[in-house]
Amino acid sequence: MQLHIISNKLKKSKSKRVGRGGKRGTYSGRGQKGQRARSGHRIRPAERDLIQRLPKLRGVKNKPKSLRPFILNLKDLDRFIEDGKLSKTILVKNGVIKKISQSVKILGVGEITNPIMIEEIYVSEKAKKKIEKAGGSVQ
């Protein structure tokens, strides 16, 4: 069997062509003026009108201008300290952050006992006081 041999057994009935003169009179069964009396009239579905009323501009308008820094607490720093120092390169090496360009901030949650030297990392005021109290420094 091939495609050109297949035929539909049900005949599709043609829609009646209205509005072309003939035996139906002046308006040919369409009534008088209006959208339904015109040729090629389309009655739009209500859903389309509802969709068109929705605002087209998408997305959140108050996006942050910069990415939030990766947050570390003082209680977590002991795992990452090498030779009494802590920097972004050490954090990348340990797999804490992915890139050196990513910003990091140390917060003052927890206590620190060993003196450490912190480089190139943002530190909160509370954390800075605790680090300096333990004998460390922040650059």
N, C-alpha and C. Protein backbone atom coordinates (compact mmCIF):
# COMPACT_ATOMS: atom_id res chain seq x y z
N MET A 1 0.85 -1.18 0.00
CA MET A 1 0.00 0.00 0.00
C MET A 1 0.89 1.24 0.00
N GLN A 2 0.51 2.21 -0.80
CA GLN A 2 1.29 3.43 -0.89
C GLN A 2 0.41 4.62 -0.48
N LEU A 3 1.07 5.72 -0.21
CA LEU A 3 0.35 6.88 0.32
C LEU A 3 -0.67 7.45 -0.66
N HIS A 4 -0.37 7.41 -1.95
CA HIS A 4 -1.31 8.01 -2.90
C HIS A 4 -2.54 7.12 -3.12
N ILE A 5 -2.51 5.90 -2.63
CA ILE A 5 -3.66 5.01 -2.78
C ILE A 5 -4.64 5.18 -1.62
N ILE A 6 -4.13 5.58 -0.45
CA ILE A 6 -4.99 5.71 0.73
C ILE A 6 -5.98 6.83 0.52
N SER A 7 -7.24 6.56 0.84
CA SER A 7 -8.26 7.61 0.73
C SER A 7 -9.15 7.56 1.96
N ASN A 8 -9.73 8.70 2.30
CA ASN A 8 -10.61 8.80 3.44
C ASN A 8 -12.00 8.32 3.04
N LYS A 9 -12.60 7.41 3.82
CA LYS A 9 -13.91 6.89 3.46
C LYS A 9 -15.04 7.87 3.78
N LEU A 10 -14.79 8.76 4.78
CA LEU A 10 -15.80 9.76 5.12
C LEU A 10 -15.56 10.99 4.27
N LYS A 11 -16.58 11.43 3.58
CA LYS A 11 -16.47 12.63 2.76
C LYS A 11 -16.65 13.85 3.65
N LYS A 12 -15.79 14.84 3.45
CA LYS A 12 -15.90 16.06 4.23
C LYS A 12 -16.93 16.95 3.56
N SER A 13 -17.97 17.33 4.32
CA SER A 13 -19.01 18.17 3.74
C SER A 13 -18.50 19.60 3.67
N LYS A 14 -18.75 20.24 2.55
CA LYS A 14 -18.30 21.61 2.35
C LYS A 14 -19.22 22.55 3.11
N SER A 15 -18.64 23.60 3.69
CA SER A 15 -19.45 24.57 4.39
C SER A 15 -20.20 25.43 3.37
N LYS A 16 -21.40 25.84 3.75
CA LYS A 16 -22.25 26.59 2.83
C LYS A 16 -21.68 27.99 2.64
N ARG A 17 -21.55 28.39 1.38
CA ARG A 17 -21.03 29.71 1.08
C ARG A 17 -22.18 30.70 1.11
N VAL A 18 -22.08 31.65 2.03
CA VAL A 18 -23.17 32.59 2.23
C VAL A 18 -22.71 33.98 1.84
N GLY A 19 -23.61 34.77 1.29
CA GLY A 19 -23.30 36.18 1.02
C GLY A 19 -22.82 36.44 -0.37
N ARG A 20 -23.25 35.63 -1.35
CA ARG A 20 -22.83 35.83 -2.73
C ARG A 20 -24.04 35.92 -3.66
N GLY A 21 -25.07 36.61 -3.22
CA GLY A 21 -26.26 36.73 -4.06
C GLY A 21 -27.04 35.44 -4.08
N GLY A 22 -27.91 35.25 -5.06
CA GLY A 22 -28.65 34.00 -5.18
C GLY A 22 -30.06 34.14 -4.63
N LYS A 23 -30.59 33.05 -4.13
CA LYS A 23 -32.01 33.00 -3.77
C LYS A 23 -32.29 33.42 -2.34
N ARG A 24 -31.29 33.89 -1.63
CA ARG A 24 -31.50 34.19 -0.22
C ARG A 24 -31.90 35.64 0.01
N GLY A 25 -31.89 36.47 -0.95
CA GLY A 25 -32.34 37.85 -0.76
C GLY A 25 -31.16 38.80 -0.64
N THR A 26 -31.47 40.01 -0.18
CA THR A 26 -30.49 41.09 -0.19
C THR A 26 -29.28 40.79 0.69
N TYR A 27 -29.52 40.33 1.91
CA TYR A 27 -28.41 40.14 2.85
C TYR A 27 -27.91 38.70 2.88
N SER A 28 -28.56 37.81 2.16
CA SER A 28 -28.14 36.42 2.02
C SER A 28 -28.00 35.71 3.35
N GLY A 29 -28.90 35.93 4.26
CA GLY A 29 -28.92 35.22 5.53
C GLY A 29 -27.91 35.72 6.55
N ARG A 30 -27.24 36.83 6.27
CA ARG A 30 -26.25 37.35 7.20
C ARG A 30 -26.80 38.45 8.08
N GLY A 31 -28.02 38.86 7.90
CA GLY A 31 -28.55 39.99 8.67
C GLY A 31 -28.01 41.29 8.12
N GLN A 32 -28.13 42.33 8.93
CA GLN A 32 -27.61 43.62 8.47
C GLN A 32 -26.20 43.81 8.99
N LYS A 33 -25.80 45.06 9.15
CA LYS A 33 -24.40 45.40 9.46
C LYS A 33 -23.83 44.64 10.66
N GLY A 34 -22.54 44.73 10.83
CA GLY A 34 -21.89 44.13 11.98
C GLY A 34 -20.76 43.20 11.58
N GLN A 35 -20.08 42.69 12.57
CA GLN A 35 -18.90 41.86 12.31
C GLN A 35 -19.26 40.57 11.60
N ARG A 36 -20.39 39.98 11.98
CA ARG A 36 -20.78 38.71 11.37
C ARG A 36 -21.29 38.88 9.94
N ALA A 37 -21.66 40.09 9.56
CA ALA A 37 -22.15 40.32 8.20
C ALA A 37 -21.01 40.55 7.22
N ARG A 38 -19.83 40.83 7.71
CA ARG A 38 -18.70 41.14 6.82
C ARG A 38 -18.07 39.85 6.29
N SER A 39 -17.39 40.00 5.17
CA SER A 39 -16.68 38.85 4.63
C SER A 39 -15.36 38.70 5.39
N GLY A 40 -14.98 37.47 5.61
CA GLY A 40 -13.73 37.21 6.30
C GLY A 40 -13.75 37.62 7.75
N HIS A 41 -14.93 37.63 8.39
CA HIS A 41 -15.00 38.07 9.78
C HIS A 41 -14.38 37.02 10.70
N ARG A 42 -13.77 37.51 11.75
CA ARG A 42 -13.18 36.63 12.75
C ARG A 42 -13.67 37.07 14.11
N ILE A 43 -14.20 36.16 14.88
CA ILE A 43 -14.57 36.46 16.25
C ILE A 43 -13.44 35.93 17.11
N ARG A 44 -12.76 36.85 17.80
CA ARG A 44 -11.59 36.47 18.57
C ARG A 44 -12.00 35.74 19.84
N PRO A 45 -11.26 34.71 20.20
CA PRO A 45 -11.57 34.02 21.45
C PRO A 45 -11.24 34.90 22.65
N ALA A 46 -11.98 34.73 23.74
CA ALA A 46 -11.81 35.56 24.93
C ALA A 46 -10.44 35.36 25.55
N GLU A 47 -9.86 34.16 25.41
CA GLU A 47 -8.56 33.89 26.00
C GLU A 47 -7.48 34.79 25.40
N ARG A 48 -7.59 35.05 24.10
CA ARG A 48 -6.59 35.88 23.45
C ARG A 48 -6.62 37.30 24.01
N ASP A 49 -7.83 37.82 24.25
CA ASP A 49 -7.93 39.16 24.82
C ASP A 49 -7.33 39.21 26.21
N LEU A 50 -7.55 38.14 27.00
CA LEU A 50 -6.98 38.11 28.34
C LEU A 50 -5.46 38.07 28.29
N ILE A 51 -4.91 37.32 27.35
CA ILE A 51 -3.46 37.22 27.22
C ILE A 51 -2.86 38.55 26.80
N GLN A 52 -3.57 39.25 25.91
CA GLN A 52 -3.04 40.52 25.42
C GLN A 52 -3.05 41.61 26.50
N ARG A 53 -3.90 41.47 27.49
CA ARG A 53 -3.94 42.46 28.56
C ARG A 53 -2.79 42.30 29.55
N LEU A 54 -2.16 41.14 29.54
CA LEU A 54 -1.06 40.92 30.47
C LEU A 54 0.15 41.77 30.06
N PRO A 55 0.93 42.26 31.02
CA PRO A 55 2.10 43.06 30.65
C PRO A 55 3.14 42.21 29.93
N LYS A 56 3.80 42.82 28.94
CA LYS A 56 4.71 42.07 28.10
C LYS A 56 6.14 42.10 28.63
N LEU A 57 6.46 43.08 29.48
CA LEU A 57 7.82 43.17 29.98
C LEU A 57 8.00 42.13 31.08
N ARG A 58 8.98 41.26 30.90
CA ARG A 58 9.15 40.16 31.83
C ARG A 58 10.36 40.36 32.71
N GLY A 59 10.40 39.64 33.81
CA GLY A 59 11.57 39.65 34.67
C GLY A 59 11.40 40.55 35.88
N VAL A 60 12.29 40.36 36.82
CA VAL A 60 12.26 41.15 38.05
C VAL A 60 13.00 42.45 37.78
N LYS A 61 12.42 43.55 38.22
CA LYS A 61 13.00 44.85 37.90
C LYS A 61 14.05 45.31 38.91
N ASN A 62 14.02 44.77 40.11
CA ASN A 62 14.99 45.22 41.11
C ASN A 62 16.07 44.18 41.33
N LYS A 63 16.74 43.82 40.24
CA LYS A 63 17.81 42.86 40.34
C LYS A 63 19.02 43.49 41.04
N PRO A 64 19.74 42.74 41.83
CA PRO A 64 20.91 43.31 42.51
C PRO A 64 21.98 43.69 41.49
N LYS A 65 22.68 44.78 41.77
CA LYS A 65 23.70 45.25 40.83
C LYS A 65 24.97 44.42 40.91
N SER A 66 25.20 43.79 42.05
CA SER A 66 26.38 42.96 42.18
C SER A 66 26.00 41.66 42.88
N LEU A 67 26.80 40.64 42.66
CA LEU A 67 26.54 39.35 43.28
C LEU A 67 26.84 39.42 44.77
N ARG A 68 26.11 38.65 45.55
CA ARG A 68 26.37 38.61 46.98
C ARG A 68 27.67 37.86 47.25
N PRO A 69 28.40 38.29 48.26
CA PRO A 69 29.66 37.60 48.55
C PRO A 69 29.41 36.24 49.20
N PHE A 70 30.37 35.36 49.02
CA PHE A 70 30.32 34.06 49.69
C PHE A 70 30.65 34.30 51.16
N ILE A 71 29.85 33.77 52.07
CA ILE A 71 29.99 34.08 53.48
C ILE A 71 30.68 32.94 54.22
N LEU A 72 31.69 33.32 55.00
CA LEU A 72 32.38 32.40 55.89
C LEU A 72 32.25 32.93 57.31
N ASN A 73 32.15 32.06 58.27
CA ASN A 73 32.11 32.46 59.67
C ASN A 73 33.45 32.15 60.32
N LEU A 74 33.72 32.84 61.42
CA LEU A 74 35.00 32.64 62.12
C LEU A 74 35.17 31.20 62.59
N LYS A 75 34.08 30.57 62.97
CA LYS A 75 34.18 29.19 63.47
C LYS A 75 34.60 28.20 62.37
N ASP A 76 34.44 28.58 61.09
CA ASP A 76 34.78 27.68 59.98
C ASP A 76 36.20 27.90 59.45
N LEU A 77 36.89 28.95 59.91
CA LEU A 77 38.17 29.32 59.30
C LEU A 77 39.30 28.35 59.61
N ASP A 78 39.23 27.66 60.76
CA ASP A 78 40.35 26.80 61.16
C ASP A 78 40.66 25.72 60.12
N ARG A 79 39.66 25.30 59.35
CA ARG A 79 39.88 24.24 58.35
C ARG A 79 40.72 24.71 57.16
N PHE A 80 40.68 26.02 56.89
CA PHE A 80 41.28 26.52 55.64
C PHE A 80 42.59 27.28 55.84
N ILE A 81 43.03 27.47 57.06
CA ILE A 81 44.23 28.26 57.32
C ILE A 81 45.47 27.46 56.92
N GLU A 82 46.39 28.14 56.17
CA GLU A 82 47.68 27.54 55.80
C GLU A 82 48.79 28.51 56.21
N ASP A 83 49.69 28.06 57.05
CA ASP A 83 50.83 28.86 57.53
C ASP A 83 50.36 30.16 58.21
N GLY A 84 49.23 30.11 58.87
CA GLY A 84 48.72 31.29 59.57
C GLY A 84 48.14 32.35 58.66
N LYS A 85 47.89 32.00 57.41
CA LYS A 85 47.34 32.96 56.44
C LYS A 85 46.04 32.43 55.84
N LEU A 86 45.23 33.36 55.38
CA LEU A 86 43.99 33.01 54.68
C LEU A 86 43.78 34.01 53.55
N SER A 87 43.65 33.51 52.32
CA SER A 87 43.40 34.37 51.16
C SER A 87 42.47 33.65 50.19
N LYS A 88 42.11 34.35 49.15
CA LYS A 88 41.20 33.76 48.15
C LYS A 88 41.85 32.59 47.43
N THR A 89 43.14 32.67 47.18
CA THR A 89 43.82 31.56 46.49
C THR A 89 43.77 30.28 47.33
N ILE A 90 43.88 30.43 48.64
CA ILE A 90 43.79 29.26 49.52
C ILE A 90 42.37 28.68 49.49
N LEU A 91 41.37 29.57 49.46
CA LEU A 91 39.98 29.11 49.42
C LEU A 91 39.66 28.41 48.10
N VAL A 92 40.24 28.90 47.00
CA VAL A 92 40.04 28.24 45.70
C VAL A 92 40.71 26.88 45.70
N LYS A 93 41.90 26.82 46.28
CA LYS A 93 42.64 25.57 46.33
C LYS A 93 41.90 24.50 47.15
N ASN A 94 41.23 24.92 48.21
CA ASN A 94 40.46 23.99 49.05
C ASN A 94 39.06 23.72 48.52
N GLY A 95 38.67 24.40 47.44
CA GLY A 95 37.38 24.14 46.82
C GLY A 95 36.21 24.84 47.50
N VAL A 96 36.50 25.86 48.30
CA VAL A 96 35.42 26.60 48.96
C VAL A 96 34.73 27.51 47.96
N ILE A 97 35.50 28.23 47.16
CA ILE A 97 34.95 29.07 46.09
C ILE A 97 35.52 28.59 44.77
N LYS A 98 34.84 28.93 43.68
CA LYS A 98 35.25 28.43 42.37
C LYS A 98 36.29 29.33 41.69
N LYS A 99 36.13 30.65 41.83
CA LYS A 99 37.03 31.57 41.14
C LYS A 99 37.62 32.56 42.14
N ILE A 100 38.78 33.08 41.80
CA ILE A 100 39.40 34.11 42.64
C ILE A 100 38.61 35.41 42.55
N SER A 101 37.92 35.63 41.44
CA SER A 101 37.16 36.87 41.27
C SER A 101 35.91 36.93 42.15
N GLN A 102 35.49 35.79 42.69
CA GLN A 102 34.31 35.76 43.54
C GLN A 102 34.60 36.45 44.87
N SER A 103 33.68 37.30 45.32
CA SER A 103 33.92 38.01 46.57
C SER A 103 33.57 37.14 47.77
N VAL A 104 34.33 37.32 48.84
CA VAL A 104 34.17 36.53 50.06
C VAL A 104 34.12 37.49 51.23
N LYS A 105 33.26 37.19 52.21
CA LYS A 105 33.19 38.01 53.41
C LYS A 105 33.20 37.11 54.63
N ILE A 106 33.96 37.53 55.64
CA ILE A 106 34.04 36.78 56.89
C ILE A 106 33.18 37.49 57.92
N LEU A 107 32.29 36.73 58.55
CA LEU A 107 31.42 37.28 59.58
C LEU A 107 31.87 36.79 60.95
N GLY A 108 31.40 37.46 61.99
CA GLY A 108 31.90 37.20 63.33
C GLY A 108 31.16 36.15 64.12
N VAL A 109 30.59 35.13 63.47
CA VAL A 109 29.90 34.07 64.19
C VAL A 109 30.93 33.06 64.66
N GLY A 110 30.96 32.80 65.96
CA GLY A 110 31.92 31.85 66.51
C GLY A 110 33.13 32.55 67.08
N GLU A 111 34.07 31.76 67.55
CA GLU A 111 35.30 32.30 68.16
C GLU A 111 36.51 31.78 67.40
N ILE A 112 37.60 32.51 67.52
CA ILE A 112 38.85 32.10 66.89
C ILE A 112 39.96 32.17 67.94
N THR A 113 40.82 31.17 67.98
CA THR A 113 41.87 31.11 69.01
C THR A 113 43.25 31.36 68.42
N ASN A 114 43.50 30.88 67.21
CA ASN A 114 44.83 31.02 66.60
C ASN A 114 44.95 32.37 65.89
N PRO A 115 46.11 33.00 65.96
CA PRO A 115 46.29 34.25 65.21
C PRO A 115 46.44 33.95 63.71
N ILE A 116 45.65 34.65 62.91
CA ILE A 116 45.74 34.46 61.45
C ILE A 116 45.86 35.81 60.76
N MET A 117 46.43 35.78 59.56
CA MET A 117 46.56 36.97 58.75
C MET A 117 45.64 36.81 57.54
N ILE A 118 44.71 37.74 57.37
CA ILE A 118 43.72 37.63 56.29
C ILE A 118 44.06 38.65 55.21
N GLU A 119 44.09 38.19 53.95
CA GLU A 119 44.42 39.05 52.81
C GLU A 119 43.31 38.98 51.77
N GLU A 120 43.00 40.12 51.15
CA GLU A 120 42.09 40.23 49.99
C GLU A 120 40.67 39.76 50.28
N ILE A 121 40.26 39.72 51.54
CA ILE A 121 38.93 39.23 51.88
C ILE A 121 38.24 40.29 52.73
N TYR A 122 36.96 40.54 52.44
CA TYR A 122 36.17 41.46 53.25
C TYR A 122 35.92 40.84 54.62
N VAL A 123 35.97 41.68 55.65
CA VAL A 123 35.77 41.21 57.02
C VAL A 123 34.82 42.18 57.71
N SER A 124 33.85 41.65 58.45
CA SER A 124 32.94 42.52 59.19
C SER A 124 33.66 43.11 60.40
N GLU A 125 33.09 44.17 60.96
CA GLU A 125 33.72 44.84 62.10
C GLU A 125 33.84 43.90 63.30
N LYS A 126 32.80 43.15 63.57
CA LYS A 126 32.80 42.23 64.71
C LYS A 126 33.88 41.16 64.53
N ALA A 127 33.99 40.63 63.30
CA ALA A 127 35.00 39.60 63.03
C ALA A 127 36.40 40.19 63.13
N LYS A 128 36.56 41.42 62.67
CA LYS A 128 37.87 42.06 62.71
C LYS A 128 38.34 42.23 64.16
N LYS A 129 37.43 42.64 65.04
CA LYS A 129 37.78 42.79 66.46
C LYS A 129 38.20 41.46 67.07
N LYS A 130 37.46 40.39 66.73
CA LYS A 130 37.79 39.07 67.29
C LYS A 130 39.12 38.56 66.75
N ILE A 131 39.42 38.81 65.48
CA ILE A 131 40.70 38.36 64.88
C ILE A 131 41.86 39.11 65.52
N GLU A 132 41.71 40.44 65.68
CA GLU A 132 42.78 41.23 66.27
C GLU A 132 42.96 40.90 67.76
N LYS A 133 41.88 40.53 68.42
CA LYS A 133 41.95 40.12 69.84
C LYS A 133 42.74 38.83 69.99
N ALA A 134 42.60 37.93 68.98
CA ALA A 134 43.34 36.66 69.01
C ALA A 134 44.79 36.82 68.57
N GLY A 135 45.16 38.04 68.12
CA GLY A 135 46.55 38.27 67.73
C GLY A 135 46.76 38.27 66.24
N GLY A 136 45.70 38.23 65.45
CA GLY A 136 45.82 38.21 64.00
C GLY A 136 45.73 39.60 63.41
N SER A 137 45.70 39.66 62.06
CA SER A 137 45.61 40.96 61.38
C SER A 137 44.79 40.82 60.11
N VAL A 138 44.24 41.95 59.67
CA VAL A 138 43.42 41.99 58.47
C VAL A 138 44.00 43.02 57.53
N GLN A 139 44.22 42.60 56.26
CA GLN A 139 44.75 43.53 55.26
C GLN A 139 43.73 43.79 54.20
